[in-house]
Amino acid sequence: MKEKDVFEAILGKGVKQGVLTVDEINDALPVGSFSLDRLEYLMELLDELGVRVVDYGECRN
């Protein structure tokens, strides 16, 4: 799967739910295929879209 497709899937899910867990993001990313810079970019995009990124425990509260 292309980086663009992975990012779009994560962003789409985040916008729909309003919140993503760290585990959901990690599970969607192919292991070792994204640099730290690209992951930071993804996190910035999520923030700009108003998507909260939380640990699993925070999501349950």
Protein backbone atom coordinates (compact mmCIF):
# COMPACT_ATOMS: atom_id res chain seq x y z
CA MET A 1 0.00 0.00 0.00
CA LYS A 2 1.32 3.45 -0.89
CA GLU A 3 2.13 6.02 1.80
CA LYS A 4 -0.60 8.31 0.47
CA ASP A 5 -3.20 5.53 0.79
CA VAL A 6 -2.10 4.70 4.34
CA PHE A 7 -2.20 8.36 5.39
CA GLU A 8 -5.63 8.86 3.78
CA ALA A 9 -7.02 5.80 5.56
CA ILE A 10 -5.71 6.97 8.94
CA LEU A 11 -6.88 10.56 8.38
CA GLY A 12 -10.30 9.40 7.21
CA LYS A 13 -10.81 7.19 10.22
CA GLY A 14 -9.59 9.93 12.54
CA VAL A 15 -11.92 12.55 11.08
CA LYS A 16 -14.86 10.14 11.28
CA GLN A 17 -14.17 9.15 14.91
CA GLY A 18 -12.63 12.41 16.14
CA VAL A 19 -10.08 10.42 18.08
CA LEU A 20 -7.51 7.70 17.34
CA THR A 21 -5.48 5.60 19.69
CA VAL A 22 -1.74 5.24 19.27
CA ASP A 23 -2.35 1.53 18.71
CA GLU A 24 -4.79 2.22 15.84
CA ILE A 25 -2.18 4.35 14.12
CA ASN A 26 0.61 1.83 14.71
CA ASP A 27 -1.56 -1.02 13.44
CA ALA A 28 -2.33 0.88 10.22
CA LEU A 29 1.31 1.65 9.45
CA PRO A 30 3.43 -0.99 7.73
CA VAL A 31 6.33 -1.87 10.04
CA GLY A 32 9.46 0.15 9.38
CA SER A 33 8.17 1.81 6.25
CA PHE A 34 7.84 5.39 7.50
CA SER A 35 10.57 7.71 8.75
CA LEU A 36 10.22 9.70 11.94
CA ASP A 37 9.75 12.85 9.84
CA ARG A 38 6.80 11.29 8.00
CA LEU A 39 5.24 10.12 11.27
CA GLU A 40 5.58 13.62 12.70
CA TYR A 41 3.94 14.98 9.55
CA LEU A 42 1.04 12.55 10.00
CA MET A 43 0.61 13.64 13.62
CA GLU A 44 0.59 17.30 12.53
CA LEU A 45 -2.09 16.56 9.93
CA LEU A 46 -4.24 14.82 12.52
CA ASP A 47 -3.85 17.77 14.88
CA GLU A 48 -4.77 20.26 12.13
CA LEU A 49 -7.91 18.24 11.42
CA GLY A 50 -8.87 18.28 15.10
CA VAL A 51 -8.26 14.57 15.63
CA ARG A 52 -7.09 13.69 19.13
CA VAL A 53 -4.45 10.99 19.45
CA VAL A 54 -4.65 9.19 22.77
CA ASP A 55 -3.44 6.11 24.59
CA TYR A 56 -5.97 3.29 24.77
CA GLY A 57 -6.82 4.05 28.41
CA GLU A 58 -7.63 7.67 27.63
CA CYS A 59 -10.02 6.62 24.87
CA ARG A 60 -12.12 4.56 27.27
CA ASN A 61 -12.68 7.48 29.65
